[in-house]
Amino acid sequence: IATHRPMRESGEGLVLAMTTVDDGVV
């Protein structure tokens, strides 16, 4: 998880959580 912001800020890409209202992260 700590790698996600630097990846985004460098322009290399992005990683996102898939979440639902009932279950949270899926």
mmCIF file of all heavy atoms, coordinates in Angstrom:
data_MODEL
# 
_entry.id   MODEL 
# 
loop_
_atom_site.group_PDB 
_atom_site.id 
_atom_site.type_symbol 
_atom_site.label_atom_id 
_atom_site.label_alt_id 
_atom_site.label_comp_id 
_atom_site.label_asym_id 
_atom_site.label_entity_id 
_atom_site.label_seq_id 
_atom_site.pdbx_PDB_ins_code 
_atom_site.Cartn_x 
_atom_site.Cartn_y 
_atom_site.Cartn_z 
_atom_site.occupancy 
_atom_site.B_iso_or_equiv 
_atom_site.pdbx_formal_charge 
_atom_site.auth_seq_id 
_atom_site.auth_comp_id 
_atom_site.auth_asym_id 
_atom_site.auth_atom_id 
_atom_site.pdbx_PDB_model_num 
ATOM 1   N N   . ILE A 1 1  ? 0.835   -1.208 0.000   1.00 0.00 ? 1  ILE A N   1 
ATOM 2   C CA  . ILE A 1 1  ? 0.000   0.000  0.000   1.00 0.00 ? 1  ILE A CA  1 
ATOM 3   C C   . ILE A 1 1  ? 0.866   1.253  0.000   1.00 0.00 ? 1  ILE A C   1 
ATOM 4   O O   . ILE A 1 1  ? 0.544   2.244  -0.664  1.00 0.00 ? 1  ILE A O   1 
ATOM 5   C CB  . ILE A 1 1  ? -0.979  -0.026 1.195   1.00 0.00 ? 1  ILE A CB  1 
ATOM 6   C CG1 . ILE A 1 1  ? -2.035  -1.130 0.977   1.00 0.00 ? 1  ILE A CG1 1 
ATOM 7   C CG2 . ILE A 1 1  ? -1.653  1.328  1.405   1.00 0.00 ? 1  ILE A CG2 1 
ATOM 8   C CD1 . ILE A 1 1  ? -2.885  -1.455 2.202   1.00 0.00 ? 1  ILE A CD1 1 
ATOM 9   N N   . ALA A 1 2  ? 1.985   1.225  0.685   1.00 0.00 ? 2  ALA A N   1 
ATOM 10  C CA  . ALA A 1 2  ? 2.884   2.386  0.739   1.00 0.00 ? 2  ALA A CA  1 
ATOM 11  C C   . ALA A 1 2  ? 3.504   2.714  -0.618  1.00 0.00 ? 2  ALA A C   1 
ATOM 12  O O   . ALA A 1 2  ? 3.955   3.845  -0.831  1.00 0.00 ? 2  ALA A O   1 
ATOM 13  C CB  . ALA A 1 2  ? 3.980   2.151  1.781   1.00 0.00 ? 2  ALA A CB  1 
ATOM 14  N N   . THR A 1 3  ? 3.493   1.782  -1.561  1.00 0.00 ? 3  THR A N   1 
ATOM 15  C CA  . THR A 1 3  ? 4.054   2.052  -2.897  1.00 0.00 ? 3  THR A CA  1 
ATOM 16  C C   . THR A 1 3  ? 3.086   2.794  -3.811  1.00 0.00 ? 3  THR A C   1 
ATOM 17  O O   . THR A 1 3  ? 3.502   3.332  -4.837  1.00 0.00 ? 3  THR A O   1 
ATOM 18  C CB  . THR A 1 3  ? 4.466   0.745  -3.612  1.00 0.00 ? 3  THR A CB  1 
ATOM 19  O OG1 . THR A 1 3  ? 3.294   -0.038 -3.921  1.00 0.00 ? 3  THR A OG1 1 
ATOM 20  C CG2 . THR A 1 3  ? 5.456   -0.064 -2.791  1.00 0.00 ? 3  THR A CG2 1 
ATOM 21  N N   . HIS A 1 4  ? 1.816   2.844  -3.458  1.00 0.00 ? 4  HIS A N   1 
ATOM 22  C CA  . HIS A 1 4  ? 0.803   3.369  -4.378  1.00 0.00 ? 4  HIS A CA  1 
ATOM 23  C C   . HIS A 1 4  ? 0.938   4.859  -4.643  1.00 0.00 ? 4  HIS A C   1 
ATOM 24  O O   . HIS A 1 4  ? 0.865   5.297  -5.801  1.00 0.00 ? 4  HIS A O   1 
ATOM 25  C CB  . HIS A 1 4  ? -0.602  3.046  -3.876  1.00 0.00 ? 4  HIS A CB  1 
ATOM 26  C CG  . HIS A 1 4  ? -0.860  1.582  -3.782  1.00 0.00 ? 4  HIS A CG  1 
ATOM 27  N ND1 . HIS A 1 4  ? -1.974  1.078  -3.163  1.00 0.00 ? 4  HIS A ND1 1 
ATOM 28  C CD2 . HIS A 1 4  ? -0.146  0.496  -4.196  1.00 0.00 ? 4  HIS A CD2 1 
ATOM 29  C CE1 . HIS A 1 4  ? -1.951  -0.238 -3.216  1.00 0.00 ? 4  HIS A CE1 1 
ATOM 30  N NE2 . HIS A 1 4  ? -0.845  -0.612 -3.830  1.00 0.00 ? 4  HIS A NE2 1 
ATOM 31  N N   . ARG A 1 5  ? 1.092   5.656  -3.613  1.00 0.00 ? 5  ARG A N   1 
ATOM 32  C CA  . ARG A 1 5  ? 1.197   7.103  -3.819  1.00 0.00 ? 5  ARG A CA  1 
ATOM 33  C C   . ARG A 1 5  ? 2.444   7.462  -4.638  1.00 0.00 ? 5  ARG A C   1 
ATOM 34  O O   . ARG A 1 5  ? 2.340   8.214  -5.612  1.00 0.00 ? 5  ARG A O   1 
ATOM 35  C CB  . ARG A 1 5  ? 1.157   7.869  -2.503  1.00 0.00 ? 5  ARG A CB  1 
ATOM 36  C CG  . ARG A 1 5  ? 1.188   9.392  -2.735  1.00 0.00 ? 5  ARG A CG  1 
ATOM 37  C CD  . ARG A 1 5  ? 0.746   10.204 -1.545  1.00 0.00 ? 5  ARG A CD  1 
ATOM 38  N NE  . ARG A 1 5  ? -0.624  9.969  -1.154  1.00 0.00 ? 5  ARG A NE  1 
ATOM 39  C CZ  . ARG A 1 5  ? -1.698  10.464 -1.782  1.00 0.00 ? 5  ARG A CZ  1 
ATOM 40  N NH1 . ARG A 1 5  ? -1.554  11.221 -2.847  1.00 0.00 ? 5  ARG A NH1 1 
ATOM 41  N NH2 . ARG A 1 5  ? -2.912  10.212 -1.344  1.00 0.00 ? 5  ARG A NH2 1 
ATOM 42  N N   . PRO A 1 6  ? 3.631   6.932  -4.313  1.00 0.00 ? 6  PRO A N   1 
ATOM 43  C CA  . PRO A 1 6  ? 4.795   7.247  -5.139  1.00 0.00 ? 6  PRO A CA  1 
ATOM 44  C C   . PRO A 1 6  ? 4.636   6.804  -6.599  1.00 0.00 ? 6  PRO A C   1 
ATOM 45  O O   . PRO A 1 6  ? 5.086   7.497  -7.514  1.00 0.00 ? 6  PRO A O   1 
ATOM 46  C CB  . PRO A 1 6  ? 5.947   6.486  -4.458  1.00 0.00 ? 6  PRO A CB  1 
ATOM 47  C CG  . PRO A 1 6  ? 5.500   6.302  -3.051  1.00 0.00 ? 6  PRO A CG  1 
ATOM 48  C CD  . PRO A 1 6  ? 4.010   6.183  -3.101  1.00 0.00 ? 6  PRO A CD  1 
ATOM 49  N N   . MET A 1 7  ? 3.960   5.670  -6.808  1.00 0.00 ? 7  MET A N   1 
ATOM 50  C CA  . MET A 1 7  ? 3.708   5.201  -8.171  1.00 0.00 ? 7  MET A CA  1 
ATOM 51  C C   . MET A 1 7  ? 2.861   6.217  -8.928  1.00 0.00 ? 7  MET A C   1 
ATOM 52  O O   . MET A 1 7  ? 3.143   6.558  -10.072 1.00 0.00 ? 7  MET A O   1 
ATOM 53  C CB  . MET A 1 7  ? 3.013   3.838  -8.118  1.00 0.00 ? 7  MET A CB  1 
ATOM 54  C CG  . MET A 1 7  ? 2.700   3.222  -9.446  1.00 0.00 ? 7  MET A CG  1 
ATOM 55  S SD  . MET A 1 7  ? 1.810   1.665  -9.181  1.00 0.00 ? 7  MET A SD  1 
ATOM 56  C CE  . MET A 1 7  ? 1.631   1.121  -10.851 1.00 0.00 ? 7  MET A CE  1 
ATOM 57  N N   . ARG A 1 8  ? 1.821   6.692  -8.273  1.00 0.00 ? 8  ARG A N   1 
ATOM 58  C CA  . ARG A 1 8  ? 0.932   7.684  -8.882  1.00 0.00 ? 8  ARG A CA  1 
ATOM 59  C C   . ARG A 1 8  ? 1.667   8.999  -9.109  1.00 0.00 ? 8  ARG A C   1 
ATOM 60  O O   . ARG A 1 8  ? 1.581   9.585  -10.188 1.00 0.00 ? 8  ARG A O   1 
ATOM 61  C CB  . ARG A 1 8  ? -0.279  7.893  -7.952  1.00 0.00 ? 8  ARG A CB  1 
ATOM 62  C CG  . ARG A 1 8  ? -1.225  8.984  -8.367  1.00 0.00 ? 8  ARG A CG  1 
ATOM 63  C CD  . ARG A 1 8  ? -1.976  8.624  -9.615  1.00 0.00 ? 8  ARG A CD  1 
ATOM 64  N NE  . ARG A 1 8  ? -2.850  9.724  -9.960  1.00 0.00 ? 8  ARG A NE  1 
ATOM 65  C CZ  . ARG A 1 8  ? -3.831  9.636  -10.802 1.00 0.00 ? 8  ARG A CZ  1 
ATOM 66  N NH1 . ARG A 1 8  ? -4.073  8.507  -11.394 1.00 0.00 ? 8  ARG A NH1 1 
ATOM 67  N NH2 . ARG A 1 8  ? -4.569  10.675 -11.067 1.00 0.00 ? 8  ARG A NH2 1 
ATOM 68  N N   . GLU A 1 9  ? 2.393   9.457  -8.107  1.00 0.00 ? 9  GLU A N   1 
ATOM 69  C CA  . GLU A 1 9  ? 3.070   10.752 -8.208  1.00 0.00 ? 9  GLU A CA  1 
ATOM 70  C C   . GLU A 1 9  ? 4.166   10.758 -9.269  1.00 0.00 ? 9  GLU A C   1 
ATOM 71  O O   . GLU A 1 9  ? 4.447   11.798 -9.856  1.00 0.00 ? 9  GLU A O   1 
ATOM 72  C CB  . GLU A 1 9  ? 3.621   11.161 -6.844  1.00 0.00 ? 9  GLU A CB  1 
ATOM 73  C CG  . GLU A 1 9  ? 2.500   11.541 -5.876  1.00 0.00 ? 9  GLU A CG  1 
ATOM 74  C CD  . GLU A 1 9  ? 2.973   11.842 -4.468  1.00 0.00 ? 9  GLU A CD  1 
ATOM 75  O OE1 . GLU A 1 9  ? 4.170   11.619 -4.155  1.00 0.00 ? 9  GLU A OE1 1 
ATOM 76  O OE2 . GLU A 1 9  ? 2.132   12.298 -3.670  1.00 0.00 ? 9  GLU A OE2 1 
ATOM 77  N N   . SER A 1 10 ? 4.764   9.606  -9.538  1.00 0.00 ? 10 SER A N   1 
ATOM 78  C CA  . SER A 1 10 ? 5.809   9.523  -10.567 1.00 0.00 ? 10 SER A CA  1 
ATOM 79  C C   . SER A 1 10 ? 5.222   9.374  -11.963 1.00 0.00 ? 10 SER A C   1 
ATOM 80  O O   . SER A 1 10 ? 5.950   9.432  -12.949 1.00 0.00 ? 10 SER A O   1 
ATOM 81  C CB  . SER A 1 10 ? 6.737   8.343  -10.276 1.00 0.00 ? 10 SER A CB  1 
ATOM 82  O OG  . SER A 1 10 ? 6.052   7.123  -10.507 1.00 0.00 ? 10 SER A OG  1 
ATOM 83  N N   . GLY A 1 11 ? 3.908   9.143  -12.048 1.00 0.00 ? 11 GLY A N   1 
ATOM 84  C CA  . GLY A 1 11 ? 3.262   8.963  -13.346 1.00 0.00 ? 11 GLY A CA  1 
ATOM 85  C C   . GLY A 1 11 ? 3.321   7.542  -13.865 1.00 0.00 ? 11 GLY A C   1 
ATOM 86  O O   . GLY A 1 11 ? 2.926   7.273  -14.993 1.00 0.00 ? 11 GLY A O   1 
ATOM 87  N N   . GLU A 1 12 ? 3.805   6.602  -13.038 1.00 0.00 ? 12 GLU A N   1 
ATOM 88  C CA  . GLU A 1 12 ? 3.921   5.209  -13.471 1.00 0.00 ? 12 GLU A CA  1 
ATOM 89  C C   . GLU A 1 12 ? 2.582   4.494  -13.529 1.00 0.00 ? 12 GLU A C   1 
ATOM 90  O O   . GLU A 1 12 ? 2.458   3.476  -14.207 1.00 0.00 ? 12 GLU A O   1 
ATOM 91  C CB  . GLU A 1 12 ? 4.842   4.436  -12.533 1.00 0.00 ? 12 GLU A CB  1 
ATOM 92  C CG  . GLU A 1 12 ? 6.270   4.914  -12.543 1.00 0.00 ? 12 GLU A CG  1 
ATOM 93  C CD  . GLU A 1 12 ? 7.097   4.233  -11.466 1.00 0.00 ? 12 GLU A CD  1 
ATOM 94  O OE1 . GLU A 1 12 ? 6.981   3.002  -11.318 1.00 0.00 ? 12 GLU A OE1 1 
ATOM 95  O OE2 . GLU A 1 12 ? 7.840   4.935  -10.778 1.00 0.00 ? 12 GLU A OE2 1 
ATOM 96  N N   . GLY A 1 13 ? 1.580   4.989  -12.796 1.00 0.00 ? 13 GLY A N   1 
ATOM 97  C CA  . GLY A 1 13 ? 0.282   4.347  -12.827 1.00 0.00 ? 13 GLY A CA  1 
ATOM 98  C C   . GLY A 1 13 ? -0.446  4.512  -11.516 1.00 0.00 ? 13 GLY A C   1 
ATOM 99  O O   . GLY A 1 13 ? -0.086  5.355  -10.694 1.00 0.00 ? 13 GLY A O   1 
ATOM 100 N N   . LEU A 1 14 ? -1.483  3.709  -11.334 1.00 0.00 ? 14 LEU A N   1 
ATOM 101 C CA  . LEU A 1 14 ? -2.252  3.790  -10.110 1.00 0.00 ? 14 LEU A CA  1 
ATOM 102 C C   . LEU A 1 14 ? -2.788  2.423  -9.729  1.00 0.00 ? 14 LEU A C   1 
ATOM 103 O O   . LEU A 1 14 ? -2.968  1.548  -10.570 1.00 0.00 ? 14 LEU A O   1 
ATOM 104 C CB  . LEU A 1 14 ? -3.399  4.775  -10.248 1.00 0.00 ? 14 LEU A CB  1 
ATOM 105 C CG  . LEU A 1 14 ? -4.539  4.408  -11.183 1.00 0.00 ? 14 LEU A CG  1 
ATOM 106 C CD1 . LEU A 1 14 ? -5.817  5.038  -10.664 1.00 0.00 ? 14 LEU A CD1 1 
ATOM 107 C CD2 . LEU A 1 14 ? -4.264  4.917  -12.570 1.00 0.00 ? 14 LEU A CD2 1 
ATOM 108 N N   . VAL A 1 15 ? -2.992  2.247  -8.431  1.00 0.00 ? 15 VAL A N   1 
ATOM 109 C CA  . VAL A 1 15 ? -3.597  1.048  -7.869  1.00 0.00 ? 15 VAL A CA  1 
ATOM 110 C C   . VAL A 1 15 ? -4.727  1.519  -6.970  1.00 0.00 ? 15 VAL A C   1 
ATOM 111 O O   . VAL A 1 15 ? -4.538  2.425  -6.148  1.00 0.00 ? 15 VAL A O   1 
ATOM 112 C CB  . VAL A 1 15 ? -2.586  0.216  -7.048  1.00 0.00 ? 15 VAL A CB  1 
ATOM 113 C CG1 . VAL A 1 15 ? -3.269  -1.000 -6.442  1.00 0.00 ? 15 VAL A CG1 1 
ATOM 114 C CG2 . VAL A 1 15 ? -1.403  -0.197 -7.912  1.00 0.00 ? 15 VAL A CG2 1 
ATOM 115 N N   . LEU A 1 16 ? -5.899  0.914  -7.128  1.00 0.00 ? 16 LEU A N   1 
ATOM 116 C CA  . LEU A 1 16 ? -7.074  1.311  -6.361  1.00 0.00 ? 16 LEU A CA  1 
ATOM 117 C C   . LEU A 1 16 ? -7.739  0.090  -5.728  1.00 0.00 ? 16 LEU A C   1 
ATOM 118 O O   . LEU A 1 16 ? -7.683  -1.017 -6.272  1.00 0.00 ? 16 LEU A O   1 
ATOM 119 C CB  . LEU A 1 16 ? -8.077  2.025  -7.263  1.00 0.00 ? 16 LEU A CB  1 
ATOM 120 C CG  . LEU A 1 16 ? -7.585  3.307  -7.938  1.00 0.00 ? 16 LEU A CG  1 
ATOM 121 C CD1 . LEU A 1 16 ? -8.582  3.773  -8.994  1.00 0.00 ? 16 LEU A CD1 1 
ATOM 122 C CD2 . LEU A 1 16 ? -7.322  4.388  -6.915  1.00 0.00 ? 16 LEU A CD2 1 
ATOM 123 N N   . ALA A 1 17 ? -8.368  0.315  -4.604  1.00 0.00 ? 17 ALA A N   1 
ATOM 124 C CA  . ALA A 1 17 ? -9.155  -0.721 -3.942  1.00 0.00 ? 17 ALA A CA  1 
ATOM 125 C C   . ALA A 1 17 ? -10.513 -0.812 -4.623  1.00 0.00 ? 17 ALA A C   1 
ATOM 126 O O   . ALA A 1 17 ? -11.140 0.204  -4.904  1.00 0.00 ? 17 ALA A O   1 
ATOM 127 C CB  . ALA A 1 17 ? -9.342  -0.378 -2.463  1.00 0.00 ? 17 ALA A CB  1 
ATOM 128 N N   . MET A 1 18 ? -10.969 -2.034 -4.870  1.00 0.00 ? 18 MET A N   1 
ATOM 129 C CA  . MET A 1 18 ? -12.350 -2.279 -5.288  1.00 0.00 ? 18 MET A CA  1 
ATOM 130 C C   . MET A 1 18 ? -13.131 -2.429 -3.992  1.00 0.00 ? 18 MET A C   1 
ATOM 131 O O   . MET A 1 18 ? -12.827 -3.312 -3.192  1.00 0.00 ? 18 MET A O   1 
ATOM 132 C CB  . MET A 1 18 ? -12.478 -3.610 -6.040  1.00 0.00 ? 18 MET A CB  1 
ATOM 133 C CG  . MET A 1 18 ? -12.010 -3.659 -7.416  1.00 0.00 ? 18 MET A CG  1 
ATOM 134 S SD  . MET A 1 18 ? -12.416 -5.329 -8.057  1.00 0.00 ? 18 MET A SD  1 
ATOM 135 C CE  . MET A 1 18 ? -11.017 -5.565 -9.109  1.00 0.00 ? 18 MET A CE  1 
ATOM 136 N N   . THR A 1 19 ? -14.123 -1.579 -3.800  1.00 0.00 ? 19 THR A N   1 
ATOM 137 C CA  . THR A 1 19 ? -14.888 -1.639 -2.560  1.00 0.00 ? 19 THR A CA  1 
ATOM 138 C C   . THR A 1 19 ? -16.385 -1.656 -2.841  1.00 0.00 ? 19 THR A C   1 
ATOM 139 O O   . THR A 1 19 ? -16.850 -1.107 -3.841  1.00 0.00 ? 19 THR A O   1 
ATOM 140 C CB  . THR A 1 19 ? -14.572 -0.442 -1.638  1.00 0.00 ? 19 THR A CB  1 
ATOM 141 O OG1 . THR A 1 19 ? -15.038 0.762  -2.245  1.00 0.00 ? 19 THR A OG1 1 
ATOM 142 C CG2 . THR A 1 19 ? -13.081 -0.323 -1.350  1.00 0.00 ? 19 THR A CG2 1 
ATOM 143 N N   . THR A 1 20 ? -17.123 -2.296 -1.910  1.00 0.00 ? 20 THR A N   1 
ATOM 144 C CA  . THR A 1 20 ? -18.583 -2.250 -1.936  1.00 0.00 ? 20 THR A CA  1 
ATOM 145 C C   . THR A 1 20 ? -19.052 -1.636 -0.624  1.00 0.00 ? 20 THR A C   1 
ATOM 146 O O   . THR A 1 20 ? -18.323 -1.628 0.372   1.00 0.00 ? 20 THR A O   1 
ATOM 147 C CB  . THR A 1 20 ? -19.216 -3.651 -2.076  1.00 0.00 ? 20 THR A CB  1 
ATOM 148 O OG1 . THR A 1 20 ? -18.998 -4.390 -0.886  1.00 0.00 ? 20 THR A OG1 1 
ATOM 149 C CG2 . THR A 1 20 ? -18.673 -4.399 -3.276  1.00 0.00 ? 20 THR A CG2 1 
ATOM 150 N N   . VAL A 1 21 ? -20.274 -1.144 -0.620  1.00 0.00 ? 21 VAL A N   1 
ATOM 151 C CA  . VAL A 1 21 ? -20.840 -0.560 0.592   1.00 0.00 ? 21 VAL A CA  1 
ATOM 152 C C   . VAL A 1 21 ? -20.920 -1.597 1.702   1.00 0.00 ? 21 VAL A C   1 
ATOM 153 O O   . VAL A 1 21 ? -20.571 -1.330 2.848   1.00 0.00 ? 21 VAL A O   1 
ATOM 154 C CB  . VAL A 1 21 ? -22.238 0.045  0.300   1.00 0.00 ? 21 VAL A CB  1 
ATOM 155 C CG1 . VAL A 1 21 ? -22.929 0.454  1.578   1.00 0.00 ? 21 VAL A CG1 1 
ATOM 156 C CG2 . VAL A 1 21 ? -22.122 1.221  -0.653  1.00 0.00 ? 21 VAL A CG2 1 
ATOM 157 N N   . ASP A 1 22 ? -21.351 -2.809 1.374   1.00 0.00 ? 22 ASP A N   1 
ATOM 158 C CA  . ASP A 1 22 ? -21.562 -3.835 2.397   1.00 0.00 ? 22 ASP A CA  1 
ATOM 159 C C   . ASP A 1 22 ? -20.292 -4.546 2.852   1.00 0.00 ? 22 ASP A C   1 
ATOM 160 O O   . ASP A 1 22 ? -20.165 -4.900 4.016   1.00 0.00 ? 22 ASP A O   1 
ATOM 161 C CB  . ASP A 1 22 ? -22.557 -4.889 1.888   1.00 0.00 ? 22 ASP A CB  1 
ATOM 162 C CG  . ASP A 1 22 ? -23.948 -4.325 1.700   1.00 0.00 ? 22 ASP A CG  1 
ATOM 163 O OD1 . ASP A 1 22 ? -24.283 -3.329 2.380   1.00 0.00 ? 22 ASP A OD1 1 
ATOM 164 O OD2 . ASP A 1 22 ? -24.697 -4.869 0.872   1.00 0.00 ? 22 ASP A OD2 1 
ATOM 165 N N   . ASP A 1 23 ? -19.354 -4.773 1.925   1.00 0.00 ? 23 ASP A N   1 
ATOM 166 C CA  . ASP A 1 23 ? -18.198 -5.612 2.241   1.00 0.00 ? 23 ASP A CA  1 
ATOM 167 C C   . ASP A 1 23 ? -16.876 -4.869 2.378   1.00 0.00 ? 23 ASP A C   1 
ATOM 168 O O   . ASP A 1 23 ? -15.882 -5.464 2.770   1.00 0.00 ? 23 ASP A O   1 
ATOM 169 C CB  . ASP A 1 23 ? -18.046 -6.709 1.181   1.00 0.00 ? 23 ASP A CB  1 
ATOM 170 C CG  . ASP A 1 23 ? -19.231 -7.646 1.170   1.00 0.00 ? 23 ASP A CG  1 
ATOM 171 O OD1 . ASP A 1 23 ? -19.575 -8.168 2.241   1.00 0.00 ? 23 ASP A OD1 1 
ATOM 172 O OD2 . ASP A 1 23 ? -19.822 -7.852 0.091   1.00 0.00 ? 23 ASP A OD2 1 
ATOM 173 N N   . GLY A 1 24 ? -16.826 -3.604 2.017   1.00 0.00 ? 24 GLY A N   1 
ATOM 174 C CA  . GLY A 1 24 ? -15.543 -2.903 2.032   1.00 0.00 ? 24 GLY A CA  1 
ATOM 175 C C   . GLY A 1 24 ? -14.668 -3.380 0.891   1.00 0.00 ? 24 GLY A C   1 
ATOM 176 O O   . GLY A 1 24 ? -15.145 -3.584 -0.221  1.00 0.00 ? 24 GLY A O   1 
ATOM 177 N N   . VAL A 1 25 ? -13.390 -3.608 1.155   1.00 0.00 ? 25 VAL A N   1 
ATOM 178 C CA  . VAL A 1 25 ? -12.449 -4.020 0.110   1.00 0.00 ? 25 VAL A CA  1 
ATOM 179 C C   . VAL A 1 25 ? -12.770 -5.448 -0.332  1.00 0.00 ? 25 VAL A C   1 
ATOM 180 O O   . VAL A 1 25 ? -12.844 -6.359 0.484   1.00 0.00 ? 25 VAL A O   1 
ATOM 181 C CB  . VAL A 1 25 ? -10.990 -3.928 0.605   1.00 0.00 ? 25 VAL A CB  1 
ATOM 182 C CG1 . VAL A 1 25 ? -10.028 -4.489 -0.445  1.00 0.00 ? 25 VAL A CG1 1 
ATOM 183 C CG2 . VAL A 1 25 ? -10.618 -2.489 0.946   1.00 0.00 ? 25 VAL A CG2 1 
ATOM 184 N N   . VAL A 1 26 ? -12.950 -5.621 -1.658  1.00 0.00 ? 26 VAL A N   1 
ATOM 185 C CA  . VAL A 1 26 ? -13.193 -6.945 -2.229  1.00 0.00 ? 26 VAL A CA  1 
ATOM 186 C C   . VAL A 1 26 ? -12.091 -7.352 -3.196  1.00 0.00 ? 26 VAL A C   1 
ATOM 187 O O   . VAL A 1 26 ? -12.039 -8.490 -3.641  1.00 0.00 ? 26 VAL A O   1 
ATOM 188 C CB  . VAL A 1 26 ? -14.576 -7.035 -2.918  1.00 0.00 ? 26 VAL A CB  1 
ATOM 189 C CG1 . VAL A 1 26 ? -15.699 -6.780 -1.916  1.00 0.00 ? 26 VAL A CG1 1 
ATOM 190 C CG2 . VAL A 1 26 ? -14.675 -6.083 -4.107  1.00 0.00 ? 26 VAL A CG2 1 
# 
